[in-house]
């Protein structure tokens, strides 16, 4: 396998790191916003595809239960 090929995930992370280096003030604002509300991309990356699927199912089931009772 060619070592020069880069997965889309690694490419996105590399581009994000480069942007953080070029724009430190924007990074500070992003960090403050992320601290208040959390970052969806960080949540999805930490859960993986199985955890994300389970989270989506739980949200849908929660919505159906709430809509049924109210």
Protein backbone atom coordinates (compact mmCIF):
# COMPACT_ATOMS: atom_id res chain seq x y z
CA UNK A 1 0.00 0.00 0.00
CA UNK A 2 1.30 3.45 -0.86
CA UNK A 3 2.33 5.36 2.26
CA UNK A 4 1.64 8.72 0.52
CA UNK A 5 -2.12 8.06 0.51
CA UNK A 6 -3.87 9.77 3.36
CA UNK A 7 -7.23 8.79 4.80
CA UNK A 8 -9.94 11.48 4.77
CA UNK A 9 -10.00 11.49 8.58
CA UNK A 10 -6.26 12.13 8.84
CA UNK A 11 -6.48 14.77 6.11
CA UNK A 12 -9.25 16.64 7.97
CA UNK A 13 -7.27 16.49 11.21
CA UNK A 14 -4.09 17.71 9.49
CA UNK A 15 -5.98 20.60 7.88
CA UNK A 16 -7.58 21.48 11.24
CA UNK A 17 -4.17 21.52 12.94
CA UNK A 18 -2.72 23.72 10.19
CA UNK A 19 -5.62 26.16 10.57
CA UNK A 20 -5.06 26.30 14.33
CA UNK A 21 -1.40 27.19 13.76
CA UNK A 22 -2.27 29.93 11.23
CA UNK A 23 -5.05 31.50 13.28
CA UNK A 24 -4.38 31.37 17.04
CA UNK A 25 -7.00 34.06 17.87
CA UNK A 26 -9.73 32.12 16.09
CA UNK A 27 -8.59 29.05 17.99
CA UNK A 28 -9.13 30.87 21.27
CA UNK A 29 -12.68 31.87 20.27
CA UNK A 30 -13.43 28.35 19.05
CA UNK A 31 -12.16 26.87 22.29
CA UNK A 32 -14.37 29.19 24.35
CA UNK A 33 -17.43 28.28 22.27
CA UNK A 34 -16.63 24.57 22.41
CA UNK A 35 -16.22 24.73 26.19
CA UNK A 36 -19.72 26.15 26.53
CA UNK A 37 -21.58 23.83 24.20
CA UNK A 38 -19.24 20.96 23.42
CA UNK A 39 -18.04 19.99 19.99
CA UNK A 40 -20.06 17.50 17.96
CA UNK A 41 -17.03 16.47 15.93
CA UNK A 42 -15.14 15.64 19.14
CA UNK A 43 -18.10 13.60 20.41
CA UNK A 44 -18.42 11.64 17.18
CA UNK A 45 -14.67 11.04 16.94
CA UNK A 46 -14.53 9.74 20.49
CA UNK A 47 -17.54 7.42 20.09
CA UNK A 48 -16.67 5.83 16.77
CA UNK A 49 -19.26 4.61 14.30
CA UNK A 50 -20.93 2.11 16.65
CA UNK A 51 -21.29 4.62 19.46
CA UNK A 52 -22.63 7.25 17.07
CA UNK A 53 -25.22 4.78 15.75
CA UNK A 54 -26.32 3.92 19.29
CA UNK A 55 -26.54 7.62 20.15
CA UNK A 56 -28.76 8.27 17.11
CA UNK A 57 -31.02 5.34 18.03
CA UNK A 58 -31.33 6.58 21.63
CA UNK A 59 -32.25 10.07 20.42
CA UNK A 60 -34.90 8.69 18.06
CA UNK A 61 -36.35 6.42 20.76
CA UNK A 62 -36.37 9.31 23.23
CA UNK A 63 -38.23 11.47 20.74
CA UNK A 64 -40.80 8.74 20.09
CA UNK A 65 -41.39 8.17 23.81
CA UNK A 66 -41.80 11.88 24.51
CA UNK A 67 -44.13 12.37 21.55
CA UNK A 68 -46.21 9.37 22.66
CA UNK A 69 -46.75 10.64 26.22
CA UNK A 70 -47.10 14.33 25.45
